[in-house]
Amino acid sequence: MSTTTLAPSAILKNSLGWVIALSVVMIIAGILAVIMPPIAGIAITILFGWLLTVSGVAHLAYAWQTRGTGAILWELLLGAAYLFAGIYTLLHPLLSMVSLTLVLGVYLFVEAVLEFIMAVRLRPMAGSGWLFVDGIVTLALAIMIWRNWPSSSAWALGLLVGFSMLFSGMSRLMISLAARRVVNQIA
């Protein structure tokens, strides 16, 4: 049966099932990262290095599709910068992990602010309080990075990403379960 013949409530239930499954995967990945922070930190650094490398190759490939000298030059320079950063990260994962730990602190701070904004916007919705909890925990993690950087980079990246994934997964799971209860009441 295709999704075009399903009732809207069945499509919504199916979508919520996927969101719940993704939330559980985030929780499991978060627990594993908390249990093994140095390994998770190196893995995150290597993943980031590969993402930069692939992005560099994509920019270089896109440069050949671009019309105009300025656009080609820009894409070539951007591709070379991404490729250099990605290869450097892959060749020097421990040194790169120290830098990434600082970048992670900035990212978690921005994420916390956005979680607070989303919590305020979704305030009347059941389960939205979990977004406030997620924002508070994420802000605390950002502050932990800044206070201990760079000496704690060996454990901070994996541990803090693990906690962030754990609490993000839990908040999404709670909101999804609340939404599922509402859908079940309507259906």
C-alpha atoms as a PDB file:
ATOM      1  CA  MET A   1       0.000   0.000   0.000  1.00  0.00           C
ATOM      2  CA  SER A   2       1.464   3.388  -0.941  1.00  0.00           C
ATOM      3  CA  THR A   3       1.506   6.356   1.408  1.00  0.00           C
ATOM      4  CA  THR A   4      -0.783   8.322  -0.938  1.00  0.00           C
ATOM      5  CA  THR A   5      -3.687   6.030  -0.051  1.00  0.00           C
ATOM      6  CA  LEU A   6      -3.130   6.219   3.707  1.00  0.00           C
ATOM      7  CA  ALA A   7      -5.225   8.469   5.905  1.00  0.00           C
ATOM      8  CA  PRO A   8      -3.458  11.585   7.247  1.00  0.00           C
ATOM      9  CA  SER A   9      -3.479  10.153  10.779  1.00  0.00           C
ATOM     10  CA  ALA A  10      -1.796   6.951   9.527  1.00  0.00           C
ATOM     11  CA  ILE A  11       0.891   8.987   7.751  1.00  0.00           C
ATOM     12  CA  LEU A  12       1.426  11.023  10.929  1.00  0.00           C
ATOM     13  CA  LYS A  13       1.660   7.842  13.043  1.00  0.00           C
ATOM     14  CA  ASN A  14       4.194   6.403  10.589  1.00  0.00           C
ATOM     15  CA  SER A  15       6.259   9.619  10.710  1.00  0.00           C
ATOM     16  CA  LEU A  16       6.134   9.646  14.506  1.00  0.00           C
ATOM     17  CA  GLY A  17       7.371   6.058  14.513  1.00  0.00           C
ATOM     18  CA  TRP A  18      10.454   7.115  12.565  1.00  0.00           C
ATOM     19  CA  VAL A  19      11.058  10.101  14.847  1.00  0.00           C
ATOM     20  CA  ILE A  20      10.767   7.853  17.903  1.00  0.00           C
ATOM     21  CA  ALA A  21      13.217   5.361  16.356  1.00  0.00           C
ATOM     22  CA  LEU A  22      15.679   8.164  15.571  1.00  0.00           C
ATOM     23  CA  SER A  23      15.324   9.454  19.128  1.00  0.00           C
ATOM     24  CA  VAL A  24      16.187   6.011  20.525  1.00  0.00           C
ATOM     25  CA  VAL A  25      19.233   5.790  18.218  1.00  0.00           C
ATOM     26  CA  MET A  26      20.360   9.231  19.462  1.00  0.00           C
ATOM     27  CA  ILE A  27      19.973   8.069  23.066  1.00  0.00           C
ATOM     28  CA  ILE A  28      22.002   4.885  22.440  1.00  0.00           C
ATOM     29  CA  ALA A  29      24.734   6.799  20.573  1.00  0.00           C
ATOM     30  CA  GLY A  30      24.841   9.338  23.399  1.00  0.00           C
ATOM     31  CA  ILE A  31      25.250   6.625  26.035  1.00  0.00           C
ATOM     32  CA  LEU A  32      28.071   4.988  24.054  1.00  0.00           C
ATOM     33  CA  ALA A  33      29.861   8.341  23.670  1.00  0.00           C
ATOM     34  CA  VAL A  34      29.549   9.033  27.418  1.00  0.00           C
ATOM     35  CA  ILE A  35      30.928   5.586  28.260  1.00  0.00           C
ATOM     36  CA  MET A  36      33.906   5.932  25.866  1.00  0.00           C
ATOM     37  CA  PRO A  37      34.637   9.694  25.512  1.00  0.00           C
ATOM     38  CA  PRO A  38      38.214   9.535  24.125  1.00  0.00           C
ATOM     39  CA  ILE A  39      37.179   7.080  21.427  1.00  0.00           C
ATOM     40  CA  ALA A  40      34.067   9.126  20.649  1.00  0.00           C
ATOM     41  CA  GLY A  41      36.172  12.310  20.489  1.00  0.00           C
ATOM     42  CA  ILE A  42      38.588  10.824  17.980  1.00  0.00           C
ATOM     43  CA  ALA A  43      35.684   9.334  15.994  1.00  0.00           C
ATOM     44  CA  ILE A  44      33.946  12.715  15.856  1.00  0.00           C
ATOM     45  CA  THR A  45      37.173  14.388  14.743  1.00  0.00           C
ATOM     46  CA  ILE A  46      37.761  11.813  12.007  1.00  0.00           C
ATOM     47  CA  LEU A  47      34.134  12.069  10.849  1.00  0.00           C
ATOM     48  CA  PHE A  48      34.505  15.843  10.695  1.00  0.00           C
ATOM     49  CA  GLY A  49      37.731  15.459   8.709  1.00  0.00           C
ATOM     50  CA  TRP A  50      35.993  13.209   6.193  1.00  0.00           C
ATOM     51  CA  LEU A  51      33.066  15.629   5.902  1.00  0.00           C
ATOM     52  CA  LEU A  52      35.479  18.470   5.157  1.00  0.00           C
ATOM     53  CA  THR A  53      37.348  16.346   2.609  1.00  0.00           C
ATOM     54  CA  VAL A  54      34.183  15.265   0.801  1.00  0.00           C
ATOM     55  CA  SER A  55      32.933  18.867   0.812  1.00  0.00           C
ATOM     56  CA  GLY A  56      36.239  19.984  -0.704  1.00  0.00           C
ATOM     57  CA  VAL A  57      35.971  17.413  -3.483  1.00  0.00           C
ATOM     58  CA  ALA A  58      32.358  18.451  -4.101  1.00  0.00           C
ATOM     59  CA  HIS A  59      33.347  22.122  -4.395  1.00  0.00           C
ATOM     60  CA  LEU A  60      36.147  21.245  -6.806  1.00  0.00           C
ATOM     61  CA  ALA A  61      33.765  19.125  -8.902  1.00  0.00           C
ATOM     62  CA  TYR A  62      31.169  21.894  -8.856  1.00  0.00           C
ATOM     63  CA  ALA A  63      33.791  24.385 -10.060  1.00  0.00           C
ATOM     64  CA  TRP A  64      33.886  22.593 -13.409  1.00  0.00           C
ATOM     65  CA  GLN A  65      30.112  23.035 -13.760  1.00  0.00           C
ATOM     66  CA  THR A  66      30.201  26.745 -12.921  1.00  0.00           C
ATOM     67  CA  ARG A  67      30.076  29.437 -15.576  1.00  0.00           C
ATOM     68  CA  GLY A  68      32.111  32.585 -15.173  1.00  0.00           C
ATOM     69  CA  THR A  69      35.723  33.086 -14.159  1.00  0.00           C
ATOM     70  CA  GLY A  70      34.932  34.590 -10.748  1.00  0.00           C
ATOM     71  CA  ALA A  71      32.609  31.733  -9.772  1.00  0.00           C
ATOM     72  CA  ILE A  72      35.079  29.080 -10.929  1.00  0.00           C
ATOM     73  CA  LEU A  73      37.929  30.719  -9.031  1.00  0.00           C
ATOM     74  CA  TRP A  74      35.786  31.055  -5.895  1.00  0.00           C
ATOM     75  CA  GLU A  75      34.726  27.391  -6.008  1.00  0.00           C
ATOM     76  CA  LEU A  76      38.312  26.242  -6.627  1.00  0.00           C
ATOM     77  CA  LEU A  77      39.605  28.275  -3.658  1.00  0.00           C
ATOM     78  CA  LEU A  78      36.763  27.114  -1.429  1.00  0.00           C
ATOM     79  CA  GLY A  79      37.264  23.506  -2.501  1.00  0.00           C
ATOM     80  CA  ALA A  80      41.006  23.724  -1.859  1.00  0.00           C
ATOM     81  CA  ALA A  81      40.403  25.216   1.614  1.00  0.00           C
ATOM     82  CA  TYR A  82      37.916  22.488   2.550  1.00  0.00           C
ATOM     83  CA  LEU A  83      40.189  19.786   1.151  1.00  0.00           C
ATOM     84  CA  PHE A  84      43.238  21.139   3.007  1.00  0.00           C
ATOM     85  CA  ALA A  85      41.310  21.400   6.297  1.00  0.00           C
ATOM     86  CA  GLY A  86      39.857  17.904   5.872  1.00  0.00           C
ATOM     87  CA  ILE A  87      43.159  16.245   5.054  1.00  0.00           C
ATOM     88  CA  TYR A  88      44.922  18.118   7.868  1.00  0.00           C
ATOM     89  CA  THR A  89      42.217  16.976  10.296  1.00  0.00           C
ATOM     90  CA  LEU A  90      42.560  13.371   9.153  1.00  0.00           C
ATOM     91  CA  LEU A  91      46.371  13.460   9.402  1.00  0.00           C
ATOM     92  CA  HIS A  92      46.412  15.189  12.822  1.00  0.00           C
ATOM     93  CA  PRO A  93      43.294  13.991  14.665  1.00  0.00           C
ATOM     94  CA  LEU A  94      44.522  14.748  18.210  1.00  0.00           C
ATOM     95  CA  LEU A  95      45.550  18.322  17.423  1.00  0.00           C
ATOM     96  CA  SER A  96      42.357  18.804  15.430  1.00  0.00           C
ATOM     97  CA  MET A  97      40.342  17.447  18.352  1.00  0.00           C
ATOM     98  CA  VAL A  98      41.609  20.313  20.532  1.00  0.00           C
ATOM     99  CA  SER A  99      40.381  22.856  17.970  1.00  0.00           C
ATOM    100  CA  LEU A 100      37.118  21.039  17.460  1.00  0.00           C
ATOM    101  CA  THR A 101      36.522  21.049  21.193  1.00  0.00           C
ATOM    102  CA  LEU A 102      36.569  24.838  21.196  1.00  0.00           C
ATOM    103  CA  VAL A 103      34.307  24.972  18.132  1.00  0.00           C
ATOM    104  CA  LEU A 104      31.994  22.528  19.881  1.00  0.00           C
ATOM    105  CA  GLY A 105      31.708  24.898  22.844  1.00  0.00           C
ATOM    106  CA  VAL A 106      30.537  27.678  20.537  1.00  0.00           C
ATOM    107  CA  TYR A 107      28.163  25.316  18.723  1.00  0.00           C
ATOM    108  CA  LEU A 108      26.607  24.047  21.968  1.00  0.00           C
ATOM    109  CA  PHE A 109      26.069  27.622  23.154  1.00  0.00           C
ATOM    110  CA  VAL A 110      24.226  28.475  19.919  1.00  0.00           C
ATOM    111  CA  GLU A 111      22.254  25.213  20.144  1.00  0.00           C
ATOM    112  CA  ALA A 112      21.203  26.046  23.719  1.00  0.00           C
ATOM    113  CA  VAL A 113      19.926  29.466  22.647  1.00  0.00           C
ATOM    114  CA  LEU A 114      17.959  27.891  19.788  1.00  0.00           C
ATOM    115  CA  GLU A 115      16.526  25.218  22.112  1.00  0.00           C
ATOM    116  CA  PHE A 116      15.285  27.968  24.468  1.00  0.00           C
ATOM    117  CA  ILE A 117      13.701  29.823  21.543  1.00  0.00           C
ATOM    118  CA  MET A 118      12.010  26.634  20.299  1.00  0.00           C
ATOM    119  CA  ALA A 119      10.792  25.832  23.825  1.00  0.00           C
ATOM    120  CA  VAL A 120       9.204  29.274  24.133  1.00  0.00           C
ATOM    121  CA  ARG A 121       7.552  28.940  20.716  1.00  0.00           C
ATOM    122  CA  LEU A 122       6.203  25.453  21.508  1.00  0.00           C
ATOM    123  CA  ARG A 123       5.314  26.285  25.113  1.00  0.00           C
ATOM    124  CA  PRO A 124       1.622  25.349  24.997  1.00  0.00           C
ATOM    125  CA  MET A 125       2.468  21.952  23.470  1.00  0.00           C
ATOM    126  CA  ALA A 126       2.698  18.901  25.734  1.00  0.00           C
ATOM    127  CA  GLY A 127       6.299  17.887  26.348  1.00  0.00           C
ATOM    128  CA  SER A 128       7.779  21.280  25.433  1.00  0.00           C
ATOM    129  CA  GLY A 129       9.288  21.588  28.914  1.00  0.00           C
ATOM    130  CA  TRP A 130      11.815  18.978  27.827  1.00  0.00           C
ATOM    131  CA  LEU A 131      13.192  21.521  25.363  1.00  0.00           C
ATOM    132  CA  PHE A 132      13.916  23.844  28.291  1.00  0.00           C
ATOM    133  CA  VAL A 133      15.734  20.977  30.039  1.00  0.00           C
ATOM    134  CA  ASP A 134      17.656  20.264  26.834  1.00  0.00           C
ATOM    135  CA  GLY A 135      18.617  23.946  26.551  1.00  0.00           C
ATOM    136  CA  ILE A 136      19.812  24.127  30.156  1.00  0.00           C
ATOM    137  CA  VAL A 137      21.898  20.966  29.852  1.00  0.00           C
ATOM    138  CA  THR A 138      23.377  22.075  26.514  1.00  0.00           C
ATOM    139  CA  LEU A 139      24.283  25.501  27.940  1.00  0.00           C
ATOM    140  CA  ALA A 140      25.967  23.836  30.922  1.00  0.00           C
ATOM    141  CA  LEU A 141      27.994  21.667  28.539  1.00  0.00           C
ATOM    142  CA  ALA A 142      29.135  24.716  26.554  1.00  0.00           C
ATOM    143  CA  ILE A 143      30.296  26.410  29.756  1.00  0.00           C
ATOM    144  CA  MET A 144      32.164  23.241  30.811  1.00  0.00           C
ATOM    145  CA  ILE A 145      34.121  23.274  27.545  1.00  0.00           C
ATOM    146  CA  TRP A 146      35.119  26.922  27.852  1.00  0.00           C
ATOM    147  CA  ARG A 147      36.239  26.580  31.477  1.00  0.00           C
ATOM    148  CA  ASN A 148      38.434  23.488  30.900  1.00  0.00           C
ATOM    149  CA  TRP A 149      39.744  24.076  27.385  1.00  0.00           C
ATOM    150  CA  PRO A 150      42.301  22.977  26.099  1.00  0.00           C
ATOM    151  CA  SER A 151      43.413  20.565  28.829  1.00  0.00           C
ATOM    152  CA  SER A 152      40.188  18.580  28.788  1.00  0.00           C
ATOM    153  CA  SER A 153      39.972  18.087  25.026  1.00  0.00           C
ATOM    154  CA  ALA A 154      40.865  14.402  25.352  1.00  0.00           C
ATOM    155  CA  TRP A 155      37.556  13.624  27.034  1.00  0.00           C
ATOM    156  CA  ALA A 156      35.423  16.725  26.509  1.00  0.00           C
ATOM    157  CA  LEU A 157      34.525  16.316  22.847  1.00  0.00           C
ATOM    158  CA  GLY A 158      33.203  12.759  23.157  1.00  0.00           C
ATOM    159  CA  LEU A 159      31.629  13.244  26.579  1.00  0.00           C
ATOM    160  CA  LEU A 160      29.881  16.506  25.794  1.00  0.00           C
ATOM    161  CA  VAL A 161      28.624  15.418  22.390  1.00  0.00           C
ATOM    162  CA  GLY A 162      27.432  12.220  24.070  1.00  0.00           C
ATOM    163  CA  PHE A 163      25.492  14.111  26.737  1.00  0.00           C
ATOM    164  CA  SER A 164      24.076  16.492  24.147  1.00  0.00           C
ATOM    165  CA  MET A 165      22.941  13.582  21.962  1.00  0.00           C
ATOM    166  CA  LEU A 166      21.501  11.790  24.992  1.00  0.00           C
ATOM    167  CA  PHE A 167      19.425  14.762  26.148  1.00  0.00           C
ATOM    168  CA  SER A 168      18.433  15.771  22.610  1.00  0.00           C
ATOM    169  CA  GLY A 169      17.268  12.222  21.959  1.00  0.00           C
ATOM    170  CA  MET A 170      15.341  12.143  25.254  1.00  0.00           C
ATOM    171  CA  SER A 171      13.626  15.497  24.575  1.00  0.00           C
ATOM    172  CA  ARG A 172      12.660  14.443  21.028  1.00  0.00           C
ATOM    173  CA  LEU A 173      11.402  11.118  22.344  1.00  0.00           C
ATOM    174  CA  MET A 174       9.220  12.800  24.990  1.00  0.00           C
ATOM    175  CA  ILE A 175       7.762  15.253  22.463  1.00  0.00           C
ATOM    176  CA  SER A 176       7.136  12.445  19.952  1.00  0.00           C
ATOM    177  CA  LEU A 177       5.433  10.281  22.565  1.00  0.00           C
ATOM    178  CA  ALA A 178       3.238  13.238  23.567  1.00  0.00           C
ATOM    179  CA  ALA A 179       2.377  13.845  19.909  1.00  0.00           C
ATOM    180  CA  ARG A 180       1.590  10.151  19.453  1.00  0.00           C
ATOM    181  CA  ARG A 181      -0.864  10.278  22.387  1.00  0.00           C
ATOM    182  CA  VAL A 182      -2.605  13.257  20.776  1.00  0.00           C
ATOM    183  CA  VAL A 183      -2.806  11.495  17.391  1.00  0.00           C
ATOM    184  CA  ASN A 184      -4.175   8.345  19.036  1.00  0.00           C
ATOM    185  CA  GLN A 185      -6.879  10.411  20.792  1.00  0.00           C
ATOM    186  CA  ILE A 186      -7.893  12.050  17.519  1.00  0.00           C
ATOM    187  CA  ALA A 187      -7.960   8.801  15.510  1.00  0.00           C
END
